[in-house]
Protein backbone atom coordinates (compact mmCIF):
# COMPACT_ATOMS: atom_id res chain seq x y z
CA MET A 1 62.38 32.34 40.19
CA PHE A 2 60.09 35.34 39.86
CA ASN A 3 61.41 36.11 36.37
CA TYR A 4 60.88 32.51 35.31
CA LEU A 5 57.28 32.49 36.49
CA ARG A 6 56.66 35.83 34.83
CA LYS A 7 57.98 34.52 31.50
CA ARG A 8 55.85 31.39 31.75
CA PHE A 9 52.76 33.44 32.58
CA THR A 10 53.43 35.87 29.72
CA SER A 11 53.93 33.05 27.22
CA HIS A 12 50.78 31.33 28.47
CA ILE A 13 48.71 34.51 28.03
CA ARG A 14 50.19 35.05 24.57
CA GLU A 15 49.39 31.49 23.57
CA ARG A 16 45.81 31.73 24.83
CA SER A 17 45.20 34.98 22.99
CA ARG A 18 46.58 33.46 19.83
CA ARG A 19 44.37 30.41 20.14
CA ARG A 20 41.32 32.62 20.62
CA ALA A 21 42.11 34.55 17.43
CA ARG A 22 41.32 31.57 15.20
CA LEU A 23 38.57 31.98 12.60
CA VAL A 24 37.18 28.43 12.86
CA SER A 25 37.02 26.63 16.18
CA LYS A 26 37.87 22.96 16.60
CA ASP A 27 34.18 22.03 16.47
CA GLY A 28 33.62 23.99 13.24
CA ARG A 29 31.99 27.18 14.52
CA CYS A 30 33.06 30.40 12.79
CA ASN A 31 34.40 33.22 14.94
CA ILE A 32 33.47 36.27 12.93
CA GLU A 33 31.52 39.43 13.64
CA PHE A 34 29.69 41.69 11.19
CA GLY A 35 29.70 45.39 11.86
CA ASN A 36 28.16 48.47 10.22
CA VAL A 37 25.77 46.47 8.07
CA GLU A 38 23.83 48.97 5.98
CA GLN A 39 20.83 46.73 5.38
CA SER A 40 18.12 46.64 8.01
CA ARG A 41 17.64 43.56 10.15
CA PHE A 42 14.14 43.30 8.75
CA VAL A 43 15.65 41.68 5.65
CA PHE A 44 16.06 38.53 7.73
CA LEU A 45 12.28 38.40 8.10
CA ILE A 46 11.96 37.98 4.34
CA ASP A 47 13.61 34.57 4.66
CA ILE A 48 11.77 33.76 7.88
CA TRP A 49 12.19 29.99 7.46
CA THR A 50 15.98 30.11 7.48
CA THR A 51 15.95 32.67 10.29
CA ILE A 52 13.81 30.38 12.45
CA LEU A 53 16.02 27.37 11.70
CA ASP A 54 19.21 29.26 12.59
CA LEU A 55 17.88 30.35 15.99
CA ARG A 56 19.05 28.66 19.16
CA TRP A 57 16.69 26.20 20.80
CA ARG A 58 15.76 28.53 23.66
CA TYR A 59 14.67 31.25 21.25
CA LYS A 60 12.91 28.77 18.97
CA MET A 61 10.92 27.28 21.85
CA THR A 62 10.04 30.78 23.06
CA ILE A 63 8.66 31.63 19.62
CA PHE A 64 6.88 28.27 19.46
CA ILE A 65 5.08 28.77 22.77
CA SER A 66 4.40 32.46 22.15
CA ALA A 67 2.88 31.77 18.73
CA PHE A 68 0.30 29.37 20.09
CA LEU A 69 -0.48 31.21 23.32
CA GLY A 70 -0.64 34.53 21.49
CA SER A 71 -3.04 33.25 18.82
CA TRP A 72 -5.27 31.56 21.41
CA PHE A 73 -5.46 34.72 23.52
CA LEU A 74 -5.99 37.00 20.50
CA PHE A 75 -8.89 34.97 19.17
CA GLY A 76 -10.19 34.62 22.73
CA LEU A 77 -10.49 38.39 22.83
CA LEU A 78 -12.26 38.37 19.47
CA TRP A 79 -14.74 35.76 20.67
CA TYR A 80 -15.30 37.83 23.79
CA VAL A 81 -15.94 40.92 21.62
CA VAL A 82 -18.43 38.97 19.50
CA ALA A 83 -20.28 37.82 22.62
CA TYR A 84 -20.16 41.34 24.06
CA ILE A 85 -21.54 42.99 20.92
CA HIS A 86 -24.24 40.38 20.58
CA LYS A 87 -25.04 40.78 24.31
CA ASP A 88 -24.58 37.09 25.09
CA LEU A 89 -22.76 37.69 28.38
CA PRO A 90 -24.56 37.15 31.72
CA GLU A 91 -24.21 40.80 32.74
CA PHE A 92 -26.66 41.73 29.96
CA ASN A 93 -29.32 39.41 31.45
CA PRO A 94 -30.33 37.80 28.14
CA SER A 95 -33.88 36.46 27.89
CA ILE A 96 -34.76 32.79 27.86
CA ASN A 97 -35.50 32.89 24.12
CA HIS A 98 -32.12 34.60 23.36
CA THR A 99 -29.87 32.56 21.03
CA PRO A 100 -26.18 33.45 21.52
CA CYS A 101 -23.53 33.37 18.81
CA VAL A 102 -21.51 30.91 20.88
CA GLU A 103 -23.07 28.76 23.52
CA ASN A 104 -21.79 28.96 27.12
CA ILE A 105 -19.38 31.90 26.80
CA ASN A 106 -19.72 33.67 30.14
CA GLY A 107 -16.54 35.78 30.19
CA LEU A 108 -13.01 36.20 29.00
CA THR A 109 -11.86 32.88 30.47
CA SER A 110 -14.55 30.85 28.73
CA ALA A 111 -13.81 32.76 25.49
CA PHE A 112 -10.14 31.80 25.78
CA LEU A 113 -11.07 28.15 26.35
CA PHE A 114 -13.34 28.17 23.29
CA SER A 115 -10.52 29.70 21.24
CA LEU A 116 -8.19 26.93 22.41
CA GLU A 117 -10.74 24.22 21.60
CA THR A 118 -11.37 25.67 18.14
CA GLN A 119 -7.73 26.05 17.08
CA VAL A 120 -6.51 22.66 18.27
CA THR A 121 -9.79 20.97 17.21
CA ILE A 122 -10.46 19.44 20.61
CA GLY A 123 -14.25 19.92 20.40
CA TYR A 124 -15.55 19.13 23.89
CA GLY A 125 -19.09 19.89 22.70
CA PHE A 126 -19.95 22.12 25.65
CA ARG A 127 -19.30 25.35 23.74
CA CYS A 128 -20.25 25.61 20.08
CA VAL A 129 -21.07 28.20 17.41
CA THR A 130 -24.70 28.70 16.50
CA GLU A 131 -26.16 29.89 13.22
CA GLN A 132 -27.38 33.08 14.83
CA CYS A 133 -24.67 35.46 13.55
CA ALA A 134 -22.44 35.33 10.46
CA THR A 135 -19.58 37.09 12.27
CA ALA A 136 -19.04 34.11 14.54
CA ILE A 137 -19.10 31.71 11.59
CA PHE A 138 -16.53 33.79 9.70
CA LEU A 139 -14.31 34.04 12.79
CA LEU A 140 -14.50 30.27 13.27
CA ILE A 141 -13.41 29.63 9.68
CA PHE A 142 -10.62 32.21 9.87
CA GLN A 143 -9.20 30.85 13.15
CA SER A 144 -9.32 27.27 11.88
CA ILE A 145 -7.36 28.15 8.73
CA LEU A 146 -4.85 30.32 10.58
CA GLY A 147 -4.43 27.63 13.25
CA VAL A 148 -3.52 25.04 10.62
CA ILE A 149 -0.93 27.42 9.11
CA ILE A 150 0.66 28.17 12.50
CA ASN A 151 0.67 24.51 13.46
CA SER A 152 2.24 23.42 10.15
CA PHE A 153 4.91 26.11 10.22
CA MET A 154 5.99 25.72 13.83
CA CYS A 155 5.89 21.91 13.89
CA GLY A 156 7.76 21.82 10.55
CA ALA A 157 10.42 24.17 11.95
CA ILE A 158 10.88 21.98 15.02
CA LEU A 159 11.13 18.83 12.89
CA ALA A 160 13.57 20.48 10.47
CA LYS A 161 15.69 21.69 13.39
CA ILE A 162 15.89 18.20 14.86
CA SER A 163 16.69 16.51 11.55
CA ARG A 164 19.25 19.04 10.28
CA SER A 165 22.36 17.44 8.81
CA LYS A 166 24.37 19.78 11.03
CA ASN A 167 23.77 17.35 13.88
CA ARG A 168 25.12 14.49 11.75
CA ALA A 169 28.37 16.41 11.42
CA LYS A 170 28.92 16.07 15.17
CA THR A 171 29.60 12.35 14.72
CA ILE A 172 32.50 13.12 12.36
CA THR A 173 35.69 13.88 14.26
CA PHE A 174 39.16 15.07 13.30
CA SER A 175 42.41 14.45 15.11
CA LYS A 176 43.42 17.03 17.68
CA ASN A 177 46.73 17.74 15.91
CA ALA A 178 48.08 17.56 12.40
CA VAL A 179 51.49 15.95 11.84
CA ILE A 180 54.25 16.36 9.28
CA SER A 181 56.37 13.34 8.34
CA LYS A 182 57.49 11.29 5.35
CA ARG A 183 54.92 9.19 3.52
CA GLY A 184 55.78 7.30 0.38
CA GLY A 185 59.15 9.03 0.21
CA LYS A 186 57.54 12.49 0.25
CA LEU A 187 57.14 15.00 3.02
CA CYS A 188 53.43 15.24 3.85
CA LEU A 189 51.07 16.95 6.27
CA LEU A 190 48.73 14.31 7.68
CA ILE A 191 45.36 14.56 9.43
CA ARG A 192 43.20 11.74 10.75
CA VAL A 193 39.40 11.78 10.39
CA ALA A 194 36.85 9.25 11.65
CA ASN A 195 33.15 8.51 11.23
CA LEU A 196 31.65 7.55 14.60
CA ARG A 197 28.55 6.01 13.02
CA LYS A 198 28.29 2.84 10.99
CA SER A 199 26.14 4.61 8.42
CA LEU A 200 28.29 6.02 5.64
CA LEU A 201 28.66 9.44 4.09
CA ILE A 202 28.02 9.16 0.36
CA GLY A 203 30.17 11.07 -2.12
CA SER A 204 32.52 12.47 0.52
CA HIS A 205 35.04 15.10 -0.58
CA ILE A 206 37.92 16.48 1.51
CA TYR A 207 39.71 19.76 0.89
CA GLY A 208 41.39 22.55 2.83
CA LYS A 209 42.00 26.29 2.93
CA LEU A 210 45.08 27.97 4.37
CA LEU A 211 44.19 31.33 5.89
CA LYS A 212 47.00 33.81 6.35
CA THR A 213 47.82 37.48 5.99
CA THR A 214 49.63 38.34 2.77
CA ILE A 215 51.03 41.51 1.25
CA THR A 216 50.63 41.91 -2.50
CA PRO A 217 53.39 43.37 -4.73
CA GLU A 218 51.32 46.55 -4.83
CA GLY A 219 51.59 46.88 -1.04
CA GLU A 220 48.02 45.83 -0.24
CA THR A 221 47.60 43.83 2.97
CA ILE A 222 45.05 41.03 2.63
CA ILE A 223 43.84 39.57 5.92
CA LEU A 224 42.47 36.02 5.79
CA ASP A 225 43.85 35.40 2.33
CA GLN A 226 42.75 31.91 1.25
CA VAL A 227 45.06 29.39 -0.40
CA ASN A 228 43.76 26.05 -1.65
CA ILE A 229 45.21 22.98 0.04
CA GLU A 230 44.72 19.68 -1.77
CA PHE A 231 44.26 16.65 0.45
CA VAL A 232 44.38 13.11 -0.88
CA VAL A 233 43.79 9.62 0.46
CA ASP A 234 45.41 6.49 -0.88
CA ALA A 235 42.00 5.46 -2.27
CA GLY A 236 41.31 8.93 -3.77
CA ASN A 237 39.89 12.10 -2.28
CA GLU A 238 36.34 11.60 -3.59
CA ASN A 239 33.71 8.89 -3.00
CA LEU A 240 35.51 7.69 0.11
CA PHE A 241 34.65 4.35 1.69
CA PHE A 242 34.32 6.00 5.08
CA ILE A 243 33.77 2.90 7.21
CA SER A 244 36.94 3.23 9.29
CA PRO A 245 39.20 6.17 10.28
CA LEU A 246 41.15 7.59 7.36
CA THR A 247 44.44 9.45 7.25
CA ILE A 248 44.35 12.26 4.72
CA TYR A 249 47.56 13.92 3.66
CA HIS A 250 48.80 16.93 1.76
CA ILE A 251 52.02 16.52 -0.23
CA ILE A 252 54.46 19.32 0.58
CA ASP A 253 56.00 19.99 -2.82
CA LYS A 254 57.23 23.14 -4.50
CA ASN A 255 53.65 24.30 -5.09
CA SER A 256 52.67 23.89 -1.46
CA PRO A 257 52.56 26.90 0.90
CA PHE A 258 54.34 24.71 3.49
CA PHE A 259 57.36 24.22 1.23
CA HIS A 260 59.36 27.13 2.68
CA MET A 261 58.50 26.26 6.30
CA ALA A 262 60.83 24.28 8.53
CA ALA A 263 60.62 22.53 11.88
CA GLU A 264 62.40 25.46 13.54
CA THR A 265 60.24 28.18 11.99
CA ILE A 266 56.73 26.74 11.78
CA LEU A 267 55.79 28.02 15.23
CA GLN A 268 56.69 31.56 14.16
CA GLN A 269 54.32 31.37 11.19
CA ASP A 270 50.91 33.05 11.27
CA PHE A 271 48.37 30.84 9.52
CA GLU A 272 45.26 28.76 10.12
CA LEU A 273 44.58 25.56 8.22
CA VAL A 274 40.85 24.92 7.80
CA VAL A 275 39.86 21.41 6.70
CA PHE A 276 36.45 20.63 5.18
CA LEU A 277 34.64 17.34 4.65
CA ASP A 278 31.51 17.44 2.48
CA GLY A 279 29.21 14.46 2.09
CA THR A 280 25.65 13.20 1.79
CA VAL A 281 23.99 11.53 4.77
CA GLU A 282 23.01 8.00 3.81
CA ALA A 283 19.84 7.92 5.93
CA THR A 284 18.31 11.26 4.89
CA SER A 285 20.11 12.12 1.59
CA ALA A 286 20.85 15.56 3.03
CA THR A 287 24.24 17.15 2.46
CA CYS A 288 26.39 18.11 5.42
CA GLN A 289 29.75 19.77 5.96
CA VAL A 290 32.22 19.11 8.74
CA ARG A 291 35.08 21.50 9.36
CA THR A 292 37.89 22.08 11.80
CA SER A 293 41.07 24.12 11.93
CA TYR A 294 44.71 23.86 12.94
CA ILE A 295 47.03 26.67 14.01
CA PRO A 296 50.86 26.37 14.02
CA GLU A 297 50.92 25.12 17.63
CA GLU A 298 48.72 22.21 16.57
CA VAL A 299 50.96 21.07 13.70
CA LEU A 300 53.57 18.61 15.00
CA TRP A 301 56.68 18.31 12.84
CA GLY A 302 58.42 14.93 12.89
CA TYR A 303 55.51 12.79 14.10
CA ARG A 304 53.11 10.23 12.67
CA PHE A 305 49.84 8.81 13.95
CA ALA A 306 49.83 5.62 15.97
CA PRO A 307 48.09 2.57 14.46
CA ILE A 308 44.40 2.43 15.24
CA VAL A 309 42.96 -0.53 13.29
CA SER A 310 43.69 -4.14 14.27
CA LYS A 311 42.27 -7.58 13.52
CA THR A 312 41.03 -9.87 16.28
CA LYS A 313 41.41 -13.64 16.44
CA GLU A 314 37.75 -14.01 15.49
CA GLY A 315 38.45 -12.23 12.19
CA LYS A 316 36.78 -8.95 13.12
CA TYR A 317 38.32 -5.54 12.59
CA ARG A 318 38.66 -3.42 15.71
CA VAL A 319 39.17 0.34 15.86
CA ASP A 320 40.83 1.61 19.03
CA PHE A 321 39.89 5.26 19.41
CA GLN A 322 42.24 5.60 22.36
CA ASN A 323 45.03 5.99 19.80
CA PHE A 324 43.00 8.23 17.49
CA SER A 325 45.00 11.41 18.21
CA LYS A 326 48.09 9.70 19.61
CA THR A 327 51.32 10.52 17.76
CA VAL A 328 54.71 8.84 17.58
CA ALA A 329 58.01 10.64 16.89
CA VAL A 330 59.74 9.55 13.69
CA GLU A 331 62.84 10.62 11.80
CA THR A 332 61.81 13.46 9.50
CA PRO A 333 63.72 16.05 7.44
CA HIS A 334 63.53 19.43 9.11
CA CYS A 335 62.33 21.08 5.88
CA ALA A 336 60.92 20.07 2.52
CA PHE A 337 63.62 21.97 0.66
CA CYS A 338 66.32 19.82 2.29
CA LEU A 339 64.51 16.61 1.40
CA TYR A 340 64.27 17.51 -2.28
CA ASN A 341 67.92 18.65 -2.37
CA GLU A 342 68.94 15.34 -0.84
CA LYS A 343 67.03 13.44 -3.48
CA GLU A 344 68.58 15.49 -6.28
CA ALA A 345 72.08 14.91 -4.86
CA LYS A 346 71.54 11.15 -4.73
CA ALA A 347 70.20 11.16 -8.28
CA LYS A 348 73.27 13.03 -9.52
CA GLU A 349 75.61 10.53 -7.88
CA LYS A 350 74.23 7.76 -10.10
CA LYS A 351 74.93 9.72 -13.26
CA GLY A 352 78.23 10.10 -15.14
CA TYR A 353 79.69 13.48 -16.12
CA ASP A 354 82.08 14.51 -18.94
CA ASN A 355 85.30 16.20 -17.87
CA PRO A 356 86.05 18.92 -20.43
CA GLY A 357 89.70 19.14 -19.22
CA PHE A 358 90.44 15.53 -20.01
CA VAL A 359 92.50 15.00 -23.27
CA LEU A 360 92.97 11.55 -24.72
CA SER A 361 96.47 11.07 -26.16
CA GLU A 362 97.08 8.23 -28.58
CA VAL A 363 100.30 6.17 -28.29
CA SER A 364 101.58 4.46 -31.43
CA GLU A 365 102.66 0.90 -30.98
CA THR A 366 105.76 -0.45 -32.84
CA THR A 367 106.07 -4.01 -33.99
CA ASP A 368 109.85 -3.94 -34.49
CA THR A 369 111.83 -5.88 -31.97
CA LYS A 370 115.53 -6.07 -31.57
CA MET A 371 117.24 -9.43 -31.26
C-alpha cells in the first residue's frame, strides 16, 4: 500500500512539473523569462506609451495618481516660492496698498489649492493671478499647458487600456483537450473553438506551431524548435463565419509531425502544440490574437467531440456549451501509418496482377472423327 501511494504521488508530482513547463498557458500567457539583457531598462522609456499600456492596472493607477498629485504639489511649491519672493505672505506684513502676484495665497496649503484649481481649470474665483508680476503669468501659462499634456496622456492611456483588443480575446475559448480520430476517411487532430459574443471576428485565420526539442544532423540541440501546423475548417481556414463553435482539424498525413506518433507512444512524446486565432474585432476594427496550447496529456487519441449545436421546435439554433469540451470514444486506428497501409492494401486487392510464371499452352483441335 505504501509503495502504491508513493508511486501515485511521484507520478502526480512529475505530471505537475511537466504541466508547469509549458511555454504558453491555457489562457494564452507566455511563460518565458529574459536574462542577462545587455541593454539598459531605460530603453523601455523611449517607447513610454507601450510601456504604460503593458503595465498592470495597479501600477498604472499608481502612476496615474502620482502624476496628478506630483504635478499639483510641485507647482504648489512654485506658487509658494513666487509669493515668498514677492513678499505676499502674511508673515511679511504687506501694506494695504500691496498688490500680490496671486490673491489670497497665505501659505503652502493655499498655494497647493491654487495649483489644483489652475491645472484642472476649476476656477473658484477666490484666488487669481494679478498683473503685478510676469513670473506668475508665465507660471500660469506653463502649468496650464503641462496640465493639458498630462491629462491627455494619462486619460488616453486609461482609455486605451480599457479598449485593448486583448480583452476581446477573453471571449474566445478553446476546448480543454484536443482529440485525434477519423474525419472524412483521414486521421485528424481536432480542436473546438467558440466565440462567446454575437459580434463576429472579421477575417479570422487559424494556424498552429508545434514546439519541441530537436537535434540537427550536425548534433546541434534546438530547444523550442517551431514546426508549422496547418489547421483547416470545412468552410476554409480564412474569413470564417464565426457565429457558432467551429471544429478545426489538422490532417495527419506523411508531412505531419504527428505521422510517426501512435496511441501508445504519444504520452511519451515531448512537444507543445500552440494554436493561434487572429482576427479583427467588428466593433472597433482592432486586430486581436487568441492563443492556447496543448501538451501530450491533453491530446486524447480515439475520441471525438460531442455534438453541441441543435435546432429547437421554434426553428432557432441552440448551442449547448455544457458539451463544449465533452468527448466521446470512437473506433480509431492506433497510428496514422497503419491507416494508410490499410488503405493501400485495400486498393491493391481491387487490382489485377500478372503472374510471370504462368505459361499459356495451345492445344490443337482435330476435326477428324472415326466412325
